């Protein structure tokens, strides 16, 4: 489990590929504060945190890659805001898990015999 929150820190416009005619990003790349663990990435993909209109997302090192993603360019900011909110929800979920683990260990460690 990661110790720090994972946040989106930027958008790589040089590596991202936008098809203006179809209003589709063939490849959309966001930079991240750190590399997500496999557990974090899987939670994002499978527990309802991934955006409803994203079907192919990959985490590569400190990047989020979205493939074949429909998004009119004038809606990109609201998509980014939504994506940041979804990342925050996953971070909060991991904070809850971390707190539960700490509570569990604290109770076990403080048993009196």
PDB file of N, CA and C in Angstrom:
ATOM      1  N   UNK A   1       0.845  -1.180   0.000  1.00  0.00           N
ATOM      2  CA  UNK A   1       0.000   0.000   0.000  1.00  0.00           C
ATOM      3  C   UNK A   1       0.887   1.238   0.000  1.00  0.00           C
ATOM      4  N   UNK A   2       0.485   2.228  -0.767  1.00  0.00           N
ATOM      5  CA  UNK A   2       1.265   3.465  -0.834  1.00  0.00           C
ATOM      6  C   UNK A   2       1.068   4.300   0.427  1.00  0.00           C
ATOM      7  N   UNK A   3       2.083   5.035   0.814  1.00  0.00           N
ATOM      8  CA  UNK A   3       1.999   5.876   2.006  1.00  0.00           C
ATOM      9  C   UNK A   3       1.459   7.259   1.686  1.00  0.00           C
ATOM     10  N   UNK A   4       1.663   7.714   0.480  1.00  0.00           N
ATOM     11  CA  UNK A   4       1.259   9.055   0.097  1.00  0.00           C
ATOM     12  C   UNK A   4       0.055   9.023  -0.830  1.00  0.00           C
ATOM     13  N   UNK A   5      -0.641  10.124  -0.850  1.00  0.00           N
ATOM     14  CA  UNK A   5      -1.764  10.241  -1.771  1.00  0.00           C
ATOM     15  C   UNK A   5      -1.237  10.366  -3.188  1.00  0.00           C
ATOM     16  N   UNK A   6      -1.975   9.803  -4.108  1.00  0.00           N
ATOM     17  CA  UNK A   6      -1.620   9.913  -5.517  1.00  0.00           C
ATOM     18  C   UNK A   6      -2.506  10.993  -6.120  1.00  0.00           C
ATOM     19  N   UNK A   7      -1.872  11.993  -6.700  1.00  0.00           N
ATOM     20  CA  UNK A   7      -2.614  13.096  -7.312  1.00  0.00           C
ATOM     21  C   UNK A   7      -2.118  13.307  -8.731  1.00  0.00           C
ATOM     22  N   UNK A   8      -2.982  13.887  -9.532  1.00  0.00           N
ATOM     23  CA  UNK A   8      -2.618  14.242 -10.900  1.00  0.00           C
ATOM     24  C   UNK A   8      -1.866  15.563 -10.837  1.00  0.00           C
ATOM     25  N   UNK A   9      -0.680  15.575 -11.426  1.00  0.00           N
ATOM     26  CA  UNK A   9       0.147  16.779 -11.365  1.00  0.00           C
ATOM     27  C   UNK A   9       0.242  17.516 -12.698  1.00  0.00           C
ATOM     28  N   UNK A  10      -0.205  16.884 -13.769  1.00  0.00           N
ATOM     29  CA  UNK A  10      -0.132  17.573 -15.056  1.00  0.00           C
ATOM     30  C   UNK A  10      -0.678  16.739 -16.196  1.00  0.00           C
ATOM     31  N   UNK A  11      -0.658  17.337 -17.374  1.00  0.00           N
ATOM     32  CA  UNK A  11      -1.131  16.718 -18.607  1.00  0.00           C
ATOM     33  C   UNK A  11       0.006  16.816 -19.617  1.00  0.00           C
ATOM     34  N   UNK A  12       0.376  15.703 -20.219  1.00  0.00           N
ATOM     35  CA  UNK A  12       1.472  15.702 -21.192  1.00  0.00           C
ATOM     36  C   UNK A  12       0.903  15.926 -22.592  1.00  0.00           C
ATOM     37  N   UNK A  13       0.879  17.185 -22.996  1.00  0.00           N
ATOM     38  CA  UNK A  13       0.296  17.525 -24.302  1.00  0.00           C
ATOM     39  C   UNK A  13       1.184  17.076 -25.460  1.00  0.00           C
ATOM     40  N   UNK A  14       2.471  16.865 -25.207  1.00  0.00           N
ATOM     41  CA  UNK A  14       3.365  16.431 -26.277  1.00  0.00           C
ATOM     42  C   UNK A  14       3.205  14.954 -26.608  1.00  0.00           C
ATOM     43  N   UNK A  15       2.910  14.131 -25.619  1.00  0.00           N
ATOM     44  CA  UNK A  15       2.723  12.692 -25.851  1.00  0.00           C
ATOM     45  C   UNK A  15       1.263  12.343 -26.149  1.00  0.00           C
ATOM     46  N   UNK A  16       0.334  13.177 -25.731  1.00  0.00           N
ATOM     47  CA  UNK A  16      -1.090  12.897 -25.944  1.00  0.00           C
ATOM     48  C   UNK A  16      -1.440  13.129 -27.414  1.00  0.00           C
ATOM     49  N   UNK A  17      -2.371  12.320 -27.915  1.00  0.00           N
ATOM     50  CA  UNK A  17      -2.750  12.395 -29.324  1.00  0.00           C
ATOM     51  C   UNK A  17      -4.256  12.608 -29.410  1.00  0.00           C
ATOM     52  N   UNK A  18      -4.665  13.737 -30.027  1.00  0.00           N
ATOM     53  CA  UNK A  18      -6.091  14.083 -30.142  1.00  0.00           C
ATOM     54  C   UNK A  18      -6.526  14.039 -31.596  1.00  0.00           C
ATOM     55  N   UNK A  19      -7.613  13.342 -31.861  1.00  0.00           N
ATOM     56  CA  UNK A  19      -8.213  13.272 -33.191  1.00  0.00           C
ATOM     57  C   UNK A  19      -9.357  14.290 -33.221  1.00  0.00           C
ATOM     58  N   UNK A  20      -9.105  15.462 -33.799  1.00  0.00           N
ATOM     59  CA  UNK A  20     -10.096  16.552 -33.807  1.00  0.00           C
ATOM     60  C   UNK A  20     -11.382  16.151 -34.523  1.00  0.00           C
ATOM     61  N   UNK A  21     -11.260  15.424 -35.598  1.00  0.00           N
ATOM     62  CA  UNK A  21     -12.425  15.045 -36.395  1.00  0.00           C
ATOM     63  C   UNK A  21     -13.422  14.211 -35.594  1.00  0.00           C
ATOM     64  N   UNK A  22     -12.904  13.283 -34.794  1.00  0.00           N
ATOM     65  CA  UNK A  22     -13.767  12.395 -34.010  1.00  0.00           C
ATOM     66  C   UNK A  22     -13.881  12.793 -32.543  1.00  0.00           C
ATOM     67  N   UNK A  23     -13.236  13.919 -32.175  1.00  0.00           N
ATOM     68  CA  UNK A  23     -13.220  14.395 -30.790  1.00  0.00           C
ATOM     69  C   UNK A  23     -12.814  13.274 -29.832  1.00  0.00           C
ATOM     70  N   UNK A  24     -11.759  12.562 -30.219  1.00  0.00           N
ATOM     71  CA  UNK A  24     -11.287  11.415 -29.453  1.00  0.00           C
ATOM     72  C   UNK A  24      -9.799  11.557 -29.186  1.00  0.00           C
ATOM     73  N   UNK A  25      -9.424  11.275 -27.960  1.00  0.00           N
ATOM     74  CA  UNK A  25      -7.999  11.174 -27.659  1.00  0.00           C
ATOM     75  C   UNK A  25      -7.591   9.738 -27.954  1.00  0.00           C
ATOM     76  N   UNK A  26      -6.705   9.566 -28.915  1.00  0.00           N
ATOM     77  CA  UNK A  26      -6.156   8.230 -29.175  1.00  0.00           C
ATOM     78  C   UNK A  26      -5.289   7.829 -27.987  1.00  0.00           C
ATOM     79  N   UNK A  27      -4.651   8.827 -27.402  1.00  0.00           N
ATOM     80  CA  UNK A  27      -3.842   8.621 -26.211  1.00  0.00           C
ATOM     81  C   UNK A  27      -3.859   9.908 -25.399  1.00  0.00           C
ATOM     82  N   UNK A  28      -4.197   9.786 -24.131  1.00  0.00           N
ATOM     83  CA  UNK A  28      -4.218  10.923 -23.217  1.00  0.00           C
ATOM     84  C   UNK A  28      -3.323  10.546 -22.039  1.00  0.00           C
ATOM     85  N   UNK A  29      -2.336  11.387 -21.742  1.00  0.00           N
ATOM     86  CA  UNK A  29      -1.384  11.054 -20.682  1.00  0.00           C
ATOM     87  C   UNK A  29      -1.373  12.141 -19.612  1.00  0.00           C
ATOM     88  N   UNK A  30      -1.610  11.706 -18.380  1.00  0.00           N
ATOM     89  CA  UNK A  30      -1.524  12.579 -17.214  1.00  0.00           C
ATOM     90  C   UNK A  30      -0.316  12.158 -16.393  1.00  0.00           C
ATOM     91  N   UNK A  31       0.385  13.133 -15.827  1.00  0.00           N
ATOM     92  CA  UNK A  31       1.487  12.826 -14.916  1.00  0.00           C
ATOM     93  C   UNK A  31       0.935  12.759 -13.495  1.00  0.00           C
ATOM     94  N   UNK A  32       1.562  11.881 -12.698  1.00  0.00           N
ATOM     95  CA  UNK A  32       1.098  11.630 -11.334  1.00  0.00           C
ATOM     96  C   UNK A  32       2.198  11.956 -10.330  1.00  0.00           C
ATOM     97  N   UNK A  33       1.792  12.171  -9.098  1.00  0.00           N
ATOM     98  CA  UNK A  33       2.739  12.498  -8.033  1.00  0.00           C
ATOM     99  C   UNK A  33       3.652  11.326  -7.690  1.00  0.00           C
ATOM    100  N   UNK A  34       3.169  10.109  -7.901  1.00  0.00           N
ATOM    101  CA  UNK A  34       3.975   8.917  -7.658  1.00  0.00           C
ATOM    102  C   UNK A  34       3.371   7.746  -8.413  1.00  0.00           C
ATOM    103  N   UNK A  35       4.106   6.673  -8.491  1.00  0.00           N
ATOM    104  CA  UNK A  35       3.630   5.471  -9.169  1.00  0.00           C
ATOM    105  C   UNK A  35       2.636   4.743  -8.267  1.00  0.00           C
ATOM    106  N   UNK A  36       1.413   4.519  -8.754  1.00  0.00           N
ATOM    107  CA  UNK A  36       0.439   3.788  -7.933  1.00  0.00           C
ATOM    108  C   UNK A  36       0.858   2.330  -7.738  1.00  0.00           C
ATOM    109  N   UNK A  37       0.546   1.800  -6.559  1.00  0.00           N
ATOM    110  CA  UNK A  37       0.751   0.368  -6.350  1.00  0.00           C
ATOM    111  C   UNK A  37      -0.276  -0.374  -7.197  1.00  0.00           C
ATOM    112  N   UNK A  38      -0.042  -1.651  -7.395  1.00  0.00           N
ATOM    113  CA  UNK A  38      -0.992  -2.461  -8.159  1.00  0.00           C
ATOM    114  C   UNK A  38      -2.356  -2.465  -7.463  1.00  0.00           C
ATOM    115  N   UNK A  39      -2.340  -2.512  -6.129  1.00  0.00           N
ATOM    116  CA  UNK A  39      -3.586  -2.508  -5.352  1.00  0.00           C
ATOM    117  C   UNK A  39      -4.355  -1.204  -5.557  1.00  0.00           C
ATOM    118  N   UNK A  40      -3.644  -0.072  -5.561  1.00  0.00           N
ATOM    119  CA  UNK A  40      -4.280   1.228  -5.774  1.00  0.00           C
ATOM    120  C   UNK A  40      -4.886   1.280  -7.174  1.00  0.00           C
ATOM    121  N   UNK A  41      -4.109   0.871  -8.180  1.00  0.00           N
ATOM    122  CA  UNK A  41      -4.572   0.903  -9.576  1.00  0.00           C
ATOM    123  C   UNK A  41      -5.786   0.002  -9.772  1.00  0.00           C
ATOM    124  N   UNK A  42      -5.745  -1.181  -9.170  1.00  0.00           N
ATOM    125  CA  UNK A  42      -6.865  -2.112  -9.315  1.00  0.00           C
ATOM    126  C   UNK A  42      -8.118  -1.577  -8.619  1.00  0.00           C
ATOM    127  N   UNK A  43      -7.948  -0.938  -7.471  1.00  0.00           N
ATOM    128  CA  UNK A  43      -9.088  -0.323  -6.786  1.00  0.00           C
ATOM    129  C   UNK A  43      -9.704   0.753  -7.669  1.00  0.00           C
ATOM    130  N   UNK A  44      -8.878   1.564  -8.286  1.00  0.00           N
ATOM    131  CA  UNK A  44      -9.366   2.616  -9.179  1.00  0.00           C
ATOM    132  C   UNK A  44     -10.145   2.012 -10.348  1.00  0.00           C
ATOM    133  N   UNK A  45      -9.619   0.957 -10.933  1.00  0.00           N
ATOM    134  CA  UNK A  45     -10.245   0.359 -12.118  1.00  0.00           C
ATOM    135  C   UNK A  45     -11.525  -0.403 -11.814  1.00  0.00           C
ATOM    136  N   UNK A  46     -11.609  -1.067 -10.667  1.00  0.00           N
ATOM    137  CA  UNK A  46     -12.687  -2.037 -10.469  1.00  0.00           C
ATOM    138  C   UNK A  46     -13.746  -1.662  -9.439  1.00  0.00           C
ATOM    139  N   UNK A  47     -13.514  -0.686  -8.610  1.00  0.00           N
ATOM    140  CA  UNK A  47     -14.462  -0.400  -7.541  1.00  0.00           C
ATOM    141  C   UNK A  47     -15.319   0.825  -7.802  1.00  0.00           C
ATOM    142  N   UNK A  48     -15.587   1.108  -9.057  1.00  0.00           N
ATOM    143  CA  UNK A  48     -16.481   2.205  -9.394  1.00  0.00           C
ATOM    144  C   UNK A  48     -15.855   3.580  -9.327  1.00  0.00           C
ATOM    145  N   UNK A  49     -14.533   3.660  -9.238  1.00  0.00           N
ATOM    146  CA  UNK A  49     -13.878   4.964  -9.173  1.00  0.00           C
ATOM    147  C   UNK A  49     -13.491   5.481 -10.557  1.00  0.00           C
ATOM    148  N   UNK A  50     -13.333   4.571 -11.510  1.00  0.00           N
ATOM    149  CA  UNK A  50     -12.951   4.969 -12.854  1.00  0.00           C
ATOM    150  C   UNK A  50     -14.136   5.652 -13.532  1.00  0.00           C
ATOM    151  N   UNK A  51     -13.860   6.687 -14.279  1.00  0.00           N
ATOM    152  CA  UNK A  51     -14.906   7.443 -14.962  1.00  0.00           C
ATOM    153  C   UNK A  51     -15.728   6.524 -15.862  1.00  0.00           C
ATOM    154  N   UNK A  52     -17.024   6.757 -15.904  1.00  0.00           N
ATOM    155  CA  UNK A  52     -17.924   5.899 -16.668  1.00  0.00           C
ATOM    156  C   UNK A  52     -17.598   5.862 -18.154  1.00  0.00           C
ATOM    157  N   UNK A  53     -16.969   6.893 -18.695  1.00  0.00           N
ATOM    158  CA  UNK A  53     -16.701   6.913 -20.130  1.00  0.00           C
ATOM    159  C   UNK A  53     -15.253   6.561 -20.473  1.00  0.00           C
ATOM    160  N   UNK A  54     -14.505   6.038 -19.506  1.00  0.00           N
ATOM    161  CA  UNK A  54     -13.149   5.563 -19.757  1.00  0.00           C
ATOM    162  C   UNK A  54     -13.181   4.042 -19.751  1.00  0.00           C
ATOM    163  N   UNK A  55     -12.755   3.435 -20.844  1.00  0.00           N
ATOM    164  CA  UNK A  55     -12.775   1.976 -20.901  1.00  0.00           C
ATOM    165  C   UNK A  55     -11.382   1.372 -20.879  1.00  0.00           C
ATOM    166  N   UNK A  56     -10.368   2.143 -21.241  1.00  0.00           N
ATOM    167  CA  UNK A  56      -9.021   1.597 -21.277  1.00  0.00           C
ATOM    168  C   UNK A  56      -8.069   2.546 -20.572  1.00  0.00           C
ATOM    169  N   UNK A  57      -7.663   2.179 -19.378  1.00  0.00           N
ATOM    170  CA  UNK A  57      -6.724   3.010 -18.626  1.00  0.00           C
ATOM    171  C   UNK A  57      -5.578   2.160 -18.137  1.00  0.00           C
ATOM    172  N   UNK A  58      -4.380   2.729 -18.212  1.00  0.00           N
ATOM    173  CA  UNK A  58      -3.178   2.024 -17.783  1.00  0.00           C
ATOM    174  C   UNK A  58      -2.332   2.965 -16.944  1.00  0.00           C
ATOM    175  N   UNK A  59      -1.727   2.417 -15.904  1.00  0.00           N
ATOM    176  CA  UNK A  59      -0.785   3.180 -15.098  1.00  0.00           C
ATOM    177  C   UNK A  59       0.610   2.710 -15.488  1.00  0.00           C
ATOM    178  N   UNK A  60       1.443   3.650 -15.889  1.00  0.00           N
ATOM    179  CA  UNK A  60       2.822   3.343 -16.274  1.00  0.00           C
ATOM    180  C   UNK A  60       3.733   4.298 -15.523  1.00  0.00           C
ATOM    181  N   UNK A  61       4.441   3.733 -14.543  1.00  0.00           N
ATOM    182  CA  UNK A  61       5.308   4.541 -13.682  1.00  0.00           C
ATOM    183  C   UNK A  61       4.499   5.686 -13.085  1.00  0.00           C
ATOM    184  N   UNK A  62       4.907   6.912 -13.308  1.00  0.00           N
ATOM    185  CA  UNK A  62       4.185   8.059 -12.736  1.00  0.00           C
ATOM    186  C   UNK A  62       3.260   8.686 -13.772  1.00  0.00           C
ATOM    187  N   UNK A  63       2.611   7.839 -14.575  1.00  0.00           N
ATOM    188  CA  UNK A  63       1.701   8.341 -15.605  1.00  0.00           C
ATOM    189  C   UNK A  63       0.409   7.532 -15.637  1.00  0.00           C
ATOM    190  N   UNK A  64      -0.657   8.203 -16.005  1.00  0.00           N
ATOM    191  CA  UNK A  64      -1.942   7.564 -16.295  1.00  0.00           C
ATOM    192  C   UNK A  64      -2.159   7.699 -17.794  1.00  0.00           C
ATOM    193  N   UNK A  65      -2.344   6.568 -18.475  1.00  0.00           N
ATOM    194  CA  UNK A  65      -2.592   6.564 -19.914  1.00  0.00           C
ATOM    195  C   UNK A  65      -4.053   6.187 -20.153  1.00  0.00           C
ATOM    196  N   UNK A  66      -4.771   7.028 -20.877  1.00  0.00           N
ATOM    197  CA  UNK A  66      -6.137   6.723 -21.292  1.00  0.00           C
ATOM    198  C   UNK A  66      -6.111   6.567 -22.799  1.00  0.00           C
ATOM    199  N   UNK A  67      -6.669   5.460 -23.283  1.00  0.00           N
ATOM    200  CA  UNK A  67      -6.625   5.152 -24.705  1.00  0.00           C
ATOM    201  C   UNK A  67      -8.014   5.227 -25.320  1.00  0.00           C
ATOM    202  N   UNK A  68      -8.069   5.747 -26.537  1.00  0.00           N
ATOM    203  CA  UNK A  68      -9.319   5.836 -27.306  1.00  0.00           C
ATOM    204  C   UNK A  68     -10.456   6.409 -26.462  1.00  0.00           C
ATOM    205  N   UNK A  69     -10.228   7.595 -25.984  1.00  0.00           N
ATOM    206  CA  UNK A  69     -11.146   8.245 -25.054  1.00  0.00           C
ATOM    207  C   UNK A  69     -11.869   9.405 -25.739  1.00  0.00           C
ATOM    208  N   UNK A  70     -13.192   9.343 -25.789  1.00  0.00           N
ATOM    209  CA  UNK A  70     -13.989  10.410 -26.380  1.00  0.00           C
ATOM    210  C   UNK A  70     -14.125  11.558 -25.389  1.00  0.00           C
ATOM    211  N   UNK A  71     -13.682  12.752 -25.816  1.00  0.00           N
ATOM    212  CA  UNK A  71     -13.829  13.936 -24.981  1.00  0.00           C
ATOM    213  C   UNK A  71     -13.676  15.181 -25.845  1.00  0.00           C
ATOM    214  N   UNK A  72     -14.766  15.895 -26.097  1.00  0.00           N
ATOM    215  CA  UNK A  72     -14.618  17.164 -26.808  1.00  0.00           C
ATOM    216  C   UNK A  72     -13.640  18.059 -26.038  1.00  0.00           C
ATOM    217  N   UNK A  73     -12.783  18.728 -26.757  1.00  0.00           N
ATOM    218  CA  UNK A  73     -11.723  19.501 -26.131  1.00  0.00           C
ATOM    219  C   UNK A  73     -12.261  20.551 -25.155  1.00  0.00           C
ATOM    220  N   UNK A  74     -13.428  21.116 -25.442  1.00  0.00           N
ATOM    221  CA  UNK A  74     -13.990  22.135 -24.546  1.00  0.00           C
ATOM    222  C   UNK A  74     -14.563  21.539 -23.263  1.00  0.00           C
ATOM    223  N   UNK A  75     -14.596  20.204 -23.150  1.00  0.00           N
ATOM    224  CA  UNK A  75     -15.045  19.532 -21.926  1.00  0.00           C
ATOM    225  C   UNK A  75     -13.884  18.934 -21.134  1.00  0.00           C
ATOM    226  N   UNK A  76     -12.672  19.184 -21.607  1.00  0.00           N
ATOM    227  CA  UNK A  76     -11.503  18.571 -20.983  1.00  0.00           C
ATOM    228  C   UNK A  76     -11.322  19.006 -19.526  1.00  0.00           C
ATOM    229  N   UNK A  77     -11.538  20.292 -19.227  1.00  0.00           N
ATOM    230  CA  UNK A  77     -11.352  20.750 -17.844  1.00  0.00           C
ATOM    231  C   UNK A  77     -12.329  20.082 -16.887  1.00  0.00           C
ATOM    232  N   UNK A  78     -13.597  19.930 -17.298  1.00  0.00           N
ATOM    233  CA  UNK A  78     -14.525  19.265 -16.381  1.00  0.00           C
ATOM    234  C   UNK A  78     -14.179  17.792 -16.226  1.00  0.00           C
ATOM    235  N   UNK A  79     -13.637  17.164 -17.268  1.00  0.00           N
ATOM    236  CA  UNK A  79     -13.193  15.785 -17.127  1.00  0.00           C
ATOM    237  C   UNK A  79     -12.017  15.704 -16.142  1.00  0.00           C
ATOM    238  N   UNK A  80     -11.067  16.626 -16.256  1.00  0.00           N
ATOM    239  CA  UNK A  80      -9.914  16.644 -15.345  1.00  0.00           C
ATOM    240  C   UNK A  80     -10.380  16.852 -13.911  1.00  0.00           C
ATOM    241  N   UNK A  81     -11.311  17.774 -13.695  1.00  0.00           N
ATOM    242  CA  UNK A  81     -11.829  18.009 -12.340  1.00  0.00           C
ATOM    243  C   UNK A  81     -12.480  16.746 -11.777  1.00  0.00           C
ATOM    244  N   UNK A  82     -13.255  16.054 -12.614  1.00  0.00           N
ATOM    245  CA  UNK A  82     -13.904  14.809 -12.203  1.00  0.00           C
ATOM    246  C   UNK A  82     -12.852  13.738 -11.895  1.00  0.00           C
ATOM    247  N   UNK A  83     -11.845  13.646 -12.737  1.00  0.00           N
ATOM    248  CA  UNK A  83     -10.782  12.664 -12.548  1.00  0.00           C
ATOM    249  C   UNK A  83     -10.032  12.907 -11.245  1.00  0.00           C
ATOM    250  N   UNK A  84      -9.734  14.154 -10.947  1.00  0.00           N
ATOM    251  CA  UNK A  84      -9.065  14.496  -9.691  1.00  0.00           C
ATOM    252  C   UNK A  84      -9.925  14.083  -8.492  1.00  0.00           C
ATOM    253  N   UNK A  85     -11.234  14.308  -8.600  1.00  0.00           N
ATOM    254  CA  UNK A  85     -12.150  13.895  -7.532  1.00  0.00           C
ATOM    255  C   UNK A  85     -12.169  12.390  -7.342  1.00  0.00           C
ATOM    256  N   UNK A  86     -12.101  11.658  -8.437  1.00  0.00           N
ATOM    257  CA  UNK A  86     -12.082  10.192  -8.356  1.00  0.00           C
ATOM    258  C   UNK A  86     -10.791   9.691  -7.712  1.00  0.00           C
ATOM    259  N   UNK A  87      -9.677  10.336  -8.042  1.00  0.00           N
ATOM    260  CA  UNK A  87      -8.410   9.983  -7.405  1.00  0.00           C
ATOM    261  C   UNK A  87      -8.496  10.239  -5.902  1.00  0.00           C
ATOM    262  N   UNK A  88      -9.102  11.360  -5.525  1.00  0.00           N
ATOM    263  CA  UNK A  88      -9.225  11.689  -4.098  1.00  0.00           C
ATOM    264  C   UNK A  88     -10.073  10.640  -3.371  1.00  0.00           C
ATOM    265  N   UNK A  89     -11.118  10.133  -4.023  1.00  0.00           N
ATOM    266  CA  UNK A  89     -11.944   9.091  -3.406  1.00  0.00           C
ATOM    267  C   UNK A  89     -11.152   7.812  -3.183  1.00  0.00           C
ATOM    268  N   UNK A  90     -10.301   7.444  -4.138  1.00  0.00           N
ATOM    269  CA  UNK A  90      -9.463   6.262  -3.954  1.00  0.00           C
ATOM    270  C   UNK A  90      -8.476   6.512  -2.815  1.00  0.00           C
ATOM    271  N   UNK A  91      -7.889   7.706  -2.773  1.00  0.00           N
ATOM    272  CA  UNK A  91      -6.970   8.045  -1.683  1.00  0.00           C
ATOM    273  C   UNK A  91      -7.661   7.953  -0.323  1.00  0.00           C
ATOM    274  N   UNK A  92      -8.901   8.438  -0.247  1.00  0.00           N
ATOM    275  CA  UNK A  92      -9.651   8.370   1.015  1.00  0.00           C
ATOM    276  C   UNK A  92      -9.929   6.918   1.394  1.00  0.00           C
ATOM    277  N   UNK A  93     -10.238   6.078   0.408  1.00  0.00           N
ATOM    278  CA  UNK A  93     -10.472   4.653   0.662  1.00  0.00           C
ATOM    279  C   UNK A  93      -9.213   4.019   1.254  1.00  0.00           C
ATOM    280  N   UNK A  94      -8.048   4.357   0.692  1.00  0.00           N
ATOM    281  CA  UNK A  94      -6.808   3.796   1.208  1.00  0.00           C
ATOM    282  C   UNK A  94      -6.467   4.348   2.587  1.00  0.00           C
ATOM    283  N   UNK A  95      -6.849   5.575   2.861  1.00  0.00           N
ATOM    284  CA  UNK A  95      -6.642   6.146   4.200  1.00  0.00           C
ATOM    285  C   UNK A  95      -7.504   5.397   5.216  1.00  0.00           C
ATOM    286  N   UNK A  96      -8.751   5.064   4.833  1.00  0.00           N
ATOM    287  CA  UNK A  96      -9.624   4.283   5.711  1.00  0.00           C
ATOM    288  C   UNK A  96      -9.017   2.914   6.004  1.00  0.00           C
ATOM    289  N   UNK A  97      -8.520   2.261   4.968  1.00  0.00           N
ATOM    290  CA  UNK A  97      -7.904   0.938   5.133  1.00  0.00           C
ATOM    291  C   UNK A  97      -6.696   1.042   6.054  1.00  0.00           C
ATOM    292  N   UNK A  98      -5.888   2.070   5.843  1.00  0.00           N
ATOM    293  CA  UNK A  98      -4.696   2.281   6.673  1.00  0.00           C
ATOM    294  C   UNK A  98      -5.087   2.481   8.141  1.00  0.00           C
ATOM    295  N   UNK A  99      -6.129   3.287   8.373  1.00  0.00           N
ATOM    296  CA  UNK A  99      -6.593   3.526   9.745  1.00  0.00           C
ATOM    297  C   UNK A  99      -7.143   2.255  10.382  1.00  0.00           C
ATOM    298  N   UNK A 100      -7.875   1.451   9.604  1.00  0.00           N
ATOM    299  CA  UNK A 100      -8.398   0.181  10.121  1.00  0.00           C
ATOM    300  C   UNK A 100      -7.250  -0.752  10.494  1.00  0.00           C
ATOM    301  N   UNK A 101      -6.224  -0.802   9.635  1.00  0.00           N
ATOM    302  CA  UNK A 101      -5.061  -1.648   9.918  1.00  0.00           C
ATOM    303  C   UNK A 101      -4.355  -1.190  11.185  1.00  0.00           C
ATOM    304  N   UNK A 102      -4.198   0.127  11.349  1.00  0.00           N
ATOM    305  CA  UNK A 102      -3.534   0.657  12.533  1.00  0.00           C
ATOM    306  C   UNK A 102      -4.335   0.348  13.783  1.00  0.00           C
ATOM    307  N   UNK A 103      -5.650   0.496  13.702  1.00  0.00           N
ATOM    308  CA  UNK A 103      -6.512   0.199  14.839  1.00  0.00           C
ATOM    309  C   UNK A 103      -6.417  -1.281  15.202  1.00  0.00           C
ATOM    310  N   UNK A 104      -6.463  -2.137  14.221  1.00  0.00           N
ATOM    311  CA  UNK A 104      -6.365  -3.575  14.437  1.00  0.00           C
ATOM    312  C   UNK A 104      -5.055  -3.906  15.158  1.00  0.00           C
ATOM    313  N   UNK A 105      -3.948  -3.401  14.612  1.00  0.00           N
ATOM    314  CA  UNK A 105      -2.640  -3.692  15.200  1.00  0.00           C
ATOM    315  C   UNK A 105      -2.511  -3.097  16.606  1.00  0.00           C
ATOM    316  N   UNK A 106      -3.073  -1.940  16.807  1.00  0.00           N
ATOM    317  CA  UNK A 106      -3.023  -1.302  18.120  1.00  0.00           C
ATOM    318  C   UNK A 106      -3.756  -2.151  19.157  1.00  0.00           C
ATOM    319  N   UNK A 107      -4.931  -2.646  18.797  1.00  0.00           N
ATOM    320  CA  UNK A 107      -5.708  -3.480  19.717  1.00  0.00           C
ATOM    321  C   UNK A 107      -4.958  -4.771  20.020  1.00  0.00           C
ATOM    322  N   UNK A 108      -4.440  -5.403  18.984  1.00  0.00           N
ATOM    323  CA  UNK A 108      -3.693  -6.662  19.175  1.00  0.00           C
ATOM    324  C   UNK A 108      -2.452  -6.418  20.027  1.00  0.00           C
ATOM    325  N   UNK A 109      -1.726  -5.347  19.725  1.00  0.00           N
ATOM    326  CA  UNK A 109      -0.490  -5.052  20.449  1.00  0.00           C
ATOM    327  C   UNK A 109      -0.729  -4.706  21.911  1.00  0.00           C
ATOM    328  N   UNK A 110      -1.919  -4.233  22.234  1.00  0.00           N
ATOM    329  CA  UNK A 110      -2.211  -3.811  23.610  1.00  0.00           C
ATOM    330  C   UNK A 110      -3.011  -4.831  24.427  1.00  0.00           C
ATOM    331  N   UNK A 111      -3.113  -6.049  23.923  1.00  0.00           N
ATOM    332  CA  UNK A 111      -3.782  -7.099  24.706  1.00  0.00           C
ATOM    333  C   UNK A 111      -2.992  -7.341  25.985  1.00  0.00           C
ATOM    334  N   UNK A 112      -3.701  -7.557  27.076  1.00  0.00           N
ATOM    335  CA  UNK A 112      -3.055  -7.791  28.369  1.00  0.00           C
ATOM    336  C   UNK A 112      -3.220  -9.256  28.735  1.00  0.00           C
ATOM    337  N   UNK A 113      -2.118  -9.858  29.110  1.00  0.00           N
ATOM    338  CA  UNK A 113      -2.121 -11.266  29.508  1.00  0.00           C
ATOM    339  C   UNK A 113      -1.591 -11.418  30.905  1.00  0.00           C
TER     340      UNK A 113
END
